[in-house]
Structures are given as C-alpha cells and as structure tokens.
Protein backbone atom coordinates (compact mmCIF):
# COMPACT_ATOMS: atom_id res chain seq x y z
CA UNK A 1 85.38 -71.86 -12.64
CA UNK A 2 86.92 -68.28 -12.87
CA UNK A 3 90.47 -68.01 -13.40
CA UNK A 4 90.17 -65.24 -10.97
CA UNK A 5 89.07 -67.02 -8.07
CA UNK A 6 92.54 -67.58 -6.24
CA UNK A 7 93.76 -63.97 -7.14
CA UNK A 8 94.01 -61.32 -4.38
CA UNK A 9 95.59 -58.37 -5.82
CA UNK A 10 98.17 -56.09 -3.94
CA UNK A 11 95.51 -53.38 -2.55
CA UNK A 12 93.52 -56.43 -1.33
CA UNK A 13 96.42 -58.10 0.15
CA UNK A 14 97.42 -55.08 2.20
CA UNK A 15 94.13 -54.43 3.46
CA UNK A 16 93.87 -57.96 4.72
CA UNK A 17 97.17 -57.73 6.54
CA UNK A 18 96.06 -54.38 8.13
CA UNK A 19 92.74 -56.19 9.23
CA UNK A 20 94.78 -59.24 10.56
CA UNK A 21 97.06 -57.03 12.52
CA UNK A 22 94.53 -54.63 13.72
CA UNK A 23 92.32 -57.76 15.00
CA UNK A 24 95.33 -58.86 16.79
CA UNK A 25 95.92 -55.71 18.45
CA UNK A 26 92.33 -55.52 19.50
CA UNK A 27 92.61 -58.70 21.33
CA UNK A 28 95.68 -58.13 23.07
CA UNK A 29 94.80 -54.56 24.22
CA UNK A 30 91.41 -55.83 25.48
CA UNK A 31 93.04 -58.55 27.54
CA UNK A 32 95.74 -55.96 28.66
CA UNK A 33 92.97 -53.44 29.84
CA UNK A 34 91.07 -56.07 31.49
CA UNK A 35 93.79 -57.35 33.43
CA UNK A 36 94.94 -53.94 34.77
CA UNK A 37 91.78 -52.16 35.31
CA UNK A 38 89.65 -55.30 36.21
CA UNK A 39 86.73 -56.69 34.19
CA UNK A 40 83.72 -53.97 35.05
CA UNK A 41 86.14 -51.11 34.98
CA UNK A 42 88.06 -51.85 31.80
CA UNK A 43 88.31 -49.04 29.23
CA UNK A 44 88.16 -52.30 26.59
CA UNK A 45 84.66 -52.10 27.48
CA UNK A 46 83.37 -49.65 24.97
CA UNK A 47 80.05 -48.99 26.60
CA UNK A 48 81.32 -49.74 30.36
CA UNK A 49 79.56 -52.05 32.66
CA UNK A 50 81.31 -54.93 30.90
CA UNK A 51 79.82 -54.40 27.54
CA UNK A 52 81.35 -54.41 23.95
CA UNK A 53 84.61 -55.68 24.74
CA UNK A 54 87.12 -54.89 21.87
CA UNK A 55 88.84 -58.34 22.26
CA UNK A 56 85.57 -59.75 21.33
CA UNK A 57 85.34 -57.63 18.13
CA UNK A 58 88.89 -58.82 17.14
CA UNK A 59 87.79 -62.51 17.58
CA UNK A 60 84.86 -61.81 15.42
CA UNK A 61 86.99 -60.20 12.63
CA UNK A 62 89.50 -62.77 12.86
CA UNK A 63 86.58 -65.33 12.18
CA UNK A 64 85.62 -63.65 9.31
CA UNK A 65 89.06 -63.03 7.96
CA UNK A 66 90.00 -67.04 8.15
CA UNK A 67 86.69 -67.87 6.50
CA UNK A 68 87.44 -65.69 3.73
CA UNK A 69 91.01 -67.02 3.36
CA UNK A 70 89.82 -70.55 3.65
CA UNK A 71 87.17 -70.06 0.84
CA UNK A 72 90.26 -68.78 -1.33
CA UNK A 73 92.41 -72.13 -0.42
CA UNK A 74 89.60 -74.45 -0.96
CA UNK A 75 88.47 -73.09 -4.42
CA UNK A 76 92.28 -72.71 -5.61
CA UNK A 77 92.84 -76.28 -4.69
CA UNK A 78 89.62 -77.38 -6.21
CA UNK A 79 90.65 -75.64 -9.56
CA UNK A 80 94.04 -77.62 -9.34
CA UNK A 81 92.44 -80.82 -10.07
CA UNK A 82 95.25 -82.50 -7.87
CA UNK A 83 95.12 -86.45 -7.68
CA UNK A 84 94.52 -85.96 -3.86
CA UNK A 85 93.11 -82.45 -3.42
CA UNK A 86 91.90 -82.93 0.22
CA UNK A 87 95.37 -84.66 1.34
CA UNK A 88 97.24 -81.60 -0.05
CA UNK A 89 94.72 -79.00 1.35
CA UNK A 90 95.19 -80.85 4.89
CA UNK A 91 98.93 -80.77 4.53
CA UNK A 92 98.83 -76.93 3.61
CA UNK A 93 96.28 -76.03 6.74
CA UNK A 94 98.18 -78.60 9.03
CA UNK A 95 101.62 -76.98 8.47
CA UNK A 96 99.99 -73.35 8.56
CA UNK A 97 98.41 -74.28 11.98
CA UNK A 98 100.99 -76.47 13.65
CA UNK A 99 104.34 -75.09 12.62
CA UNK A 100 103.24 -72.25 14.84
CA UNK A 101 101.05 -74.00 17.50
CA UNK A 102 103.67 -76.50 18.67
CA UNK A 103 106.49 -73.92 19.56
CA UNK A 104 103.86 -71.43 21.06
CA UNK A 105 102.42 -74.40 23.30
CA UNK A 106 105.97 -75.36 24.45
CA UNK A 107 106.69 -71.67 25.12
CA UNK A 108 103.41 -71.49 27.24
CA UNK A 109 104.59 -74.66 29.20
CA UNK A 110 107.46 -72.68 30.38
CA UNK A 111 105.68 -69.30 30.95
CA UNK A 112 102.91 -71.00 33.02
CA UNK A 113 105.91 -72.96 35.04
CA UNK A 114 107.41 -69.83 35.95
CA UNK A 115 103.98 -68.47 36.94
CA UNK A 116 103.15 -71.49 39.04
CA UNK A 117 106.77 -71.09 40.65
CA UNK A 118 106.44 -67.38 41.49
CA UNK A 119 102.65 -66.92 42.21
CA UNK A 120 100.10 -68.35 44.68
CA UNK A 121 97.23 -67.25 42.37
CA UNK A 122 97.72 -69.23 39.03
CA UNK A 123 94.22 -69.65 38.16
CA UNK A 124 94.68 -72.65 35.67
CA UNK A 125 96.35 -75.56 37.57
CA UNK A 126 93.48 -77.96 36.63
CA UNK A 127 94.33 -77.73 33.13
CA UNK A 128 98.12 -77.51 33.38
CA UNK A 129 98.97 -81.22 32.70
CA UNK A 130 99.85 -83.59 29.77
CA UNK A 131 96.01 -84.42 29.34
CA UNK A 132 95.04 -80.66 28.31
CA UNK A 133 98.32 -80.19 26.40
CA UNK A 134 97.65 -83.16 24.29
CA UNK A 135 93.86 -82.14 24.07
CA UNK A 136 94.81 -78.54 22.57
CA UNK A 137 97.50 -80.22 20.32
CA UNK A 138 94.61 -82.33 18.84
CA UNK A 139 92.36 -79.73 18.84
CA UNK A 140 89.83 -81.19 21.20
CA UNK A 141 89.60 -78.40 23.79
CA UNK A 142 85.91 -77.59 24.65
CA UNK A 143 84.63 -80.36 22.20
CA UNK A 144 80.92 -80.25 22.58
CA UNK A 145 78.13 -82.71 23.73
CA UNK A 146 80.63 -84.29 26.13
CA UNK A 147 82.30 -86.35 23.62
CA UNK A 148 85.88 -85.63 25.10
CA UNK A 149 84.48 -84.58 28.51
CA UNK A 150 86.88 -82.60 30.64
CA UNK A 151 89.10 -81.29 27.74
CA UNK A 152 89.58 -77.45 27.78
CA UNK A 153 92.44 -75.18 26.82
CA UNK A 154 95.97 -75.86 28.11
CA UNK A 155 96.94 -73.89 31.04
CA UNK A 156 96.57 -70.09 30.55
CA UNK A 157 96.13 -70.66 26.82
CA UNK A 158 92.64 -69.23 26.82
CA UNK A 159 92.42 -68.13 23.38
CA UNK A 160 92.91 -71.78 22.08
CA UNK A 161 89.29 -72.14 22.01
CA UNK A 162 88.74 -70.20 18.97
CA UNK A 163 91.58 -72.21 17.15
CA UNK A 164 89.71 -75.67 17.66
CA UNK A 165 86.55 -74.15 16.14
CA UNK A 166 88.42 -72.87 13.16
CA UNK A 167 90.36 -76.05 12.76
CA UNK A 168 87.46 -78.33 12.35
CA UNK A 169 85.76 -75.69 10.19
CA UNK A 170 88.89 -76.04 7.96
CA UNK A 171 88.48 -79.77 7.77
CA UNK A 172 84.74 -79.46 7.34
CA UNK A 173 84.73 -77.27 4.47
CA UNK A 174 87.39 -78.63 2.79
CA UNK A 175 86.11 -82.42 2.93
CA UNK A 176 82.74 -81.06 1.88
CA UNK A 177 83.84 -79.23 -1.26
CA UNK A 178 86.96 -81.27 -2.24
CA UNK A 179 85.90 -84.88 -1.47
CA UNK A 180 82.34 -84.53 -2.96
CA UNK A 181 81.64 -88.01 -4.39
CA UNK A 182 80.98 -88.34 -8.30
CA UNK A 183 77.95 -90.41 -9.28
CA UNK A 184 79.77 -93.57 -9.61
CA UNK A 185 81.15 -93.24 -5.81
CA UNK A 186 79.47 -94.52 -3.06
CA UNK A 187 78.78 -91.54 -0.65
CA UNK A 188 78.87 -93.58 2.56
CA UNK A 189 82.48 -92.85 3.47
CA UNK A 190 82.05 -89.38 2.51
CA UNK A 191 79.21 -88.55 4.70
CA UNK A 192 80.46 -90.46 7.75
CA UNK A 193 83.76 -88.56 7.70
CA UNK A 194 81.85 -84.99 6.99
CA UNK A 195 79.51 -85.86 9.93
CA UNK A 196 82.57 -86.37 12.45
CA UNK A 197 84.22 -83.15 10.92
CA UNK A 198 81.05 -81.34 11.47
CA UNK A 199 80.40 -81.86 15.03
CA UNK A 200 82.42 -78.85 16.37
CA UNK A 201 81.13 -76.77 13.48
CA UNK A 202 77.48 -77.76 13.89
CA UNK A 203 77.58 -76.71 17.59
CA UNK A 204 79.10 -73.41 16.88
CA UNK A 205 76.58 -72.69 14.12
CA UNK A 206 73.49 -72.57 16.42
CA UNK A 207 75.36 -71.42 19.50
CA UNK A 208 78.61 -72.21 21.31
CA UNK A 209 80.96 -69.81 22.99
CA UNK A 210 80.85 -67.34 20.17
CA UNK A 211 76.91 -67.35 19.72
CA UNK A 212 76.99 -68.73 16.26
CA UNK A 213 80.42 -67.40 15.22
CA UNK A 214 80.98 -70.78 13.25
CA UNK A 215 78.23 -69.99 10.90
CA UNK A 216 79.59 -66.52 10.27
CA UNK A 217 82.85 -68.45 9.31
CA UNK A 218 80.92 -70.40 6.80
CA UNK A 219 79.24 -67.41 5.29
CA UNK A 220 82.63 -65.86 4.83
CA UNK A 221 84.03 -68.82 3.15
CA UNK A 222 81.28 -69.04 0.63
CA UNK A 223 81.15 -65.31 -0.15
CA UNK A 224 83.58 -66.30 -2.91
CA UNK A 225 81.57 -68.48 -4.53
CA UNK A 226 78.69 -66.22 -4.26
CA UNK A 227 80.73 -63.70 -5.69
CA UNK A 228 81.79 -65.51 -9.07
CA UNK A 229 78.63 -67.48 -9.52
CA UNK A 230 75.91 -64.79 -8.65
CA UNK A 231 76.43 -61.55 -10.40
CA UNK A 232 73.10 -59.50 -10.65
CA UNK A 233 74.69 -56.18 -11.15
CA UNK A 234 78.13 -54.40 -11.04
CA UNK A 235 78.69 -51.64 -8.56
CA UNK A 236 81.11 -48.64 -8.91
CA UNK A 237 83.33 -47.83 -6.02
CA UNK A 238 81.25 -44.93 -5.09
CA UNK A 239 78.31 -47.12 -4.67
CA UNK A 240 80.29 -49.43 -2.63
CA UNK A 241 81.57 -46.72 -0.44
CA UNK A 242 78.15 -45.35 0.02
CA UNK A 243 76.85 -48.89 0.90
CA UNK A 244 79.66 -49.37 3.27
CA UNK A 245 78.94 -46.15 5.17
CA UNK A 246 75.39 -47.37 5.42
CA UNK A 247 76.17 -50.56 6.90
CA UNK A 248 78.88 -49.23 9.11
CA UNK A 249 76.07 -47.11 10.88
CA UNK A 250 73.78 -50.07 10.96
CA UNK A 251 76.62 -52.02 12.54
CA UNK A 252 77.27 -49.31 15.35
CA UNK A 253 73.30 -48.99 15.86
CA UNK A 254 73.08 -52.48 16.30
CA UNK A 255 75.91 -53.19 18.74
CA UNK A 256 75.06 -50.24 20.91
CA UNK A 257 71.48 -51.65 20.94
CA UNK A 258 72.47 -55.21 22.11
CA UNK A 259 75.69 -54.44 23.91
CA UNK A 260 77.94 -57.13 23.03
CA UNK A 261 79.88 -58.25 20.05
CA UNK A 262 78.89 -61.94 19.94
CA UNK A 263 75.41 -60.98 18.61
CA UNK A 264 74.76 -62.87 15.36
CA UNK A 265 72.94 -60.26 13.38
CA UNK A 266 75.71 -57.87 14.49
CA UNK A 267 78.26 -60.09 13.29
CA UNK A 268 76.68 -60.43 9.71
CA UNK A 269 76.86 -57.05 9.51
CA UNK A 270 80.80 -56.72 10.27
CA UNK A 271 80.91 -59.53 7.65
CA UNK A 272 79.06 -57.37 5.15
CA UNK A 273 81.45 -54.39 6.11
CA UNK A 274 84.45 -56.56 5.63
CA UNK A 275 83.19 -58.01 1.86
CA UNK A 276 82.38 -54.42 0.88
CA UNK A 277 85.76 -53.07 1.78
CA UNK A 278 87.45 -56.09 0.32
CA UNK A 279 85.66 -55.39 -3.04
CA UNK A 280 86.48 -51.66 -2.90
CA UNK A 281 90.13 -52.55 -2.66
CA UNK A 282 89.76 -55.18 -5.56
CA UNK A 283 89.10 -51.90 -7.70
CA UNK A 284 91.76 -49.76 -6.30
CA UNK A 285 95.56 -49.57 -6.78
CA UNK A 286 96.41 -47.62 -3.96
CA UNK A 287 99.03 -50.05 -2.35
CA UNK A 288 101.36 -50.79 -5.34
CA UNK A 289 104.54 -51.36 -3.16
CA UNK A 290 105.35 -54.24 -0.71
CA UNK A 291 105.26 -53.39 2.97
CA UNK A 292 107.81 -55.69 4.88
CA UNK A 293 107.08 -54.13 8.23
CA UNK A 294 103.41 -54.58 7.90
CA UNK A 295 103.89 -58.20 6.63
CA UNK A 296 106.16 -58.74 9.61
CA UNK A 297 103.45 -57.39 12.04
CA UNK A 298 100.59 -59.20 10.45
CA UNK A 299 102.50 -62.46 10.23
CA UNK A 300 103.16 -62.28 13.81
CA UNK A 301 99.40 -61.97 14.63
CA UNK A 302 98.89 -65.62 14.73
CA UNK A 303 101.78 -66.38 17.28
CA UNK A 304 100.70 -63.00 19.19
CA UNK A 305 97.10 -64.49 19.43
CA UNK A 306 98.13 -67.89 20.86
CA UNK A 307 100.75 -66.55 23.44
CA UNK A 308 99.84 -63.02 24.70
CA UNK A 309 97.34 -64.10 27.23
CA UNK A 310 99.91 -66.36 28.97
CA UNK A 311 102.47 -63.53 29.33
CA UNK A 312 99.85 -60.92 30.27
CA UNK A 313 98.90 -63.29 33.29
CA UNK A 314 102.34 -64.05 34.32
CA UNK A 315 103.24 -60.26 34.30
CA UNK A 316 100.07 -59.00 35.94
CA UNK A 317 100.23 -61.99 38.73
CA UNK A 318 104.02 -61.10 39.47
CA UNK A 319 105.33 -58.13 38.27
CA UNK A 320 102.77 -55.67 38.24
CA UNK A 321 103.86 -52.10 40.08
CA UNK A 322 100.56 -50.06 39.61
CA UNK A 323 102.24 -47.85 37.08
CA UNK A 324 99.54 -47.85 34.10
CA UNK A 325 101.91 -46.94 31.44
CA UNK A 326 104.64 -49.39 32.47
CA UNK A 327 102.15 -52.20 33.37
CA UNK A 328 100.61 -52.04 29.87
CA UNK A 329 103.83 -51.26 27.79
CA UNK A 330 105.91 -53.97 29.34
CA UNK A 331 103.82 -56.90 28.86
CA UNK A 332 102.57 -55.57 25.39
CA UNK A 333 106.24 -55.07 24.26
CA UNK A 334 107.26 -58.73 25.50
CA UNK A 335 104.42 -60.26 23.53
CA UNK A 336 104.99 -58.48 20.46
CA UNK A 337 108.61 -59.47 20.66
CA UNK A 338 108.01 -63.07 21.30
CA UNK A 339 105.20 -63.08 18.51
CA UNK A 340 107.81 -61.69 15.91
CA UNK A 341 110.51 -63.97 17.08
CA UNK A 342 108.20 -67.09 16.63
CA UNK A 343 107.20 -65.79 13.25
CA UNK A 344 110.97 -65.38 12.07
CA UNK A 345 111.82 -68.71 13.33
CA UNK A 346 108.95 -70.77 12.56
CA UNK A 347 105.62 -69.38 11.19
CA UNK A 348 107.00 -67.89 8.04
CA UNK A 349 108.28 -71.17 6.86
CA UNK A 350 105.21 -73.06 7.04
CA UNK A 351 105.20 -73.23 3.34
CA UNK A 352 108.52 -75.15 3.03
CA UNK A 353 107.19 -77.59 5.63
CA UNK A 354 104.01 -78.13 3.68
CA UNK A 355 106.16 -78.65 0.27
CA UNK A 356 108.35 -81.28 2.30
CA UNK A 357 105.49 -83.14 3.72
CA UNK A 358 103.84 -83.23 0.12
CA UNK A 359 106.89 -84.62 -1.22
CA UNK A 360 107.53 -87.12 1.33
CA UNK A 361 104.19 -88.45 1.08
CA UNK A 362 104.54 -88.52 -2.96
CA UNK A 363 107.58 -90.66 -2.42
CA UNK A 364 107.11 -92.74 0.38
CA UNK A 365 103.46 -93.42 1.15
CA UNK A 366 101.94 -93.16 -2.37
CA UNK A 367 101.13 -96.70 -2.65
CA UNK A 368 99.10 -96.93 0.50
CA UNK A 369 97.50 -93.57 0.10
CA UNK A 370 93.58 -93.35 0.20
CA UNK A 371 92.68 -91.67 -2.83
CA UNK A 372 90.54 -88.80 -1.78
CA UNK A 373 88.81 -87.60 -5.09
C-alpha cells in the first residue's frame, strides 16, 4: 500500500479546517435565521419559499468531510498491521466521538431544563427523558425498521440524527476493511457483525432522512482507495482548476433546478468539487504556517454542531427581543463560546483518552480480548 495514503500535507490540513469551520457556520446560521424569520421567510433559504437551506448544505459537506477523514483513518490503521486493528480503530473513533458527546449531552440536559422551566412552548418534552438520553448516548436515535421503535434525538438536540448515521458508518467501514477474514478463517462472525453494523448505513444508502447521504459518505471514504489504486492520468493544477469551475457550475445548476440540497446527484457533484479542491491543495504550498485561531475554530465545530440548536431554542423561546442584530448575535456568540470551551476542556484531549484506553486494554484485558484480525 502506498506510503502516502495516511499523509495530509499542510495546505490540505488548512483547507480541511476551513471546510470544517465553514460547514458548521452554515448549519448554525441556517438554524438562527430560520428561528428568527420563520421557516418560509428565512434568508437561509437561498431560493426562498423554503428551498435550498444553507444548513442542509452544511450537513452534506460534513458527511463528505467525515467520510474522507474516515477513509484516511481506516487505511492508516490497515497499514499499521496491528494485532487488533479494528479494536484500535474503534477506540480511536469512540474517543473522538464520546469525549465531546458526553459533556455536550449533559449540557443539553441543563439547557433544556432551563427551557422547560422558563417556557410553556418547549417542543421536545416527549423526548426529554432518560430513555431518549440513553438512546442518543448509544447512537440508537431514529434507528430504522422500527428495531428500536420510538427512540429519537434527546430533547432539543435535533442535529444528533446525523451523528448516529455517521457512527454506524464508522463501524461498518472499519469492520469491513480491518476485519476481512483470510482464506483460513470462517467468515460467519464477520458477516453477522457486518450485517448489524450495516443496518443504519443501508437505510441511509437508498433513502433515509438525508436521501442517500450514507452512500455519499461511503463514496467519500473510498475515494482515497481509488486515488491510490486507479491512476489513469496525472492532471496539472490548471487542469484541475478548470475541472473544478465546470463542476461548480454543474453543481449550482443542479441545485437551482431541483430546489433542495438533499438531492443525491447534487450531493455527488459537491463530493467531486471537494475531491478536486483537495487534489489542488495537495500540489500547493500556500499554507506553510500553523494557524492556531483556525485550528481552534475548526476544532470546536463538533461541539458547536451538537449544542447550538438547544442554545438557539432556549434564547428564541425566552429571550428574543425582536431586534435582529441582538437576536442573532447573542445566541450565536453564546454558542461559539460554549463550543470553544468544550473543545478546550474536553474535545482536544481525545487522543490522550484514546491512548490511555489502548494502554488499559493492553495491560488488563489482553488475555480475554477477541483477536480481531
């Protein structure tokens, strides 16, 4: 396997941070504008009349970005030839997700409790209980085919539906590649576990809330394999830039025509735009320095994505004064500050948690570990 598979250069890293931050901003501003102006009058709708909401574009880009990075993570883990490759991969993903999710869920418990205490119009009372809290913690919210019937996102944490989809995609892709049985091994356990992991991804491949957004994630994840194993011809940056302009034009034309961002062909066009952009950045050295502020803002995007909706709902239901500038800037600023604090206190330490968990399993549980290989 090519040694460069796990490598992201400085220009690409900065570009990915810009994309991550921009996506989160599209989501929070889309929800802010919807809350203040109302769904059908919101400037977040690029075409008006409830069409092409910018927050949906942000979600699409988040899925593409996550898929691309998971592709890197899986291929890097595969290259290491570790004794328990899937277990190490699982610990990395678990730490990345839950180090931030747990404090954010507890924060949402407090935010929603304040909302319930102050407002008679809290809309999520039916899902504000221990049952839905545990369901969201275990990534069972909106599980398809009524297997866990009635479980939806906890309280006002509406964006958590996307996190559950991504979690099961993480597991399915990691298991599929890292645990593929050899000729001497029985594939029975492999396919049983893979079948369970694929329930949510399969539902979101042919439909689901994002209209096939799960398949977009998979395309993005496996784009790296294609890049390093299917080399037809090499393109210069000029060629790539011209291709990017053409596909941006096709993307805009498609979305204007269909009127919504969860259109599968349109999402594939965004994926192509993304991959061409990353390819251009791989050949450039325009970002040679570290950018701490960008790293901070991009790093806090995960916590921002989870918590912003609850903060906006609390403010708009109880503190709105019908001054557009104040009513947009105050909940936005609070959301950003809280997200940055979560990143500083928890999120940025997930690698330390991951290493400690691996060390603990290696020392204490090695005799009883199933050998995932």
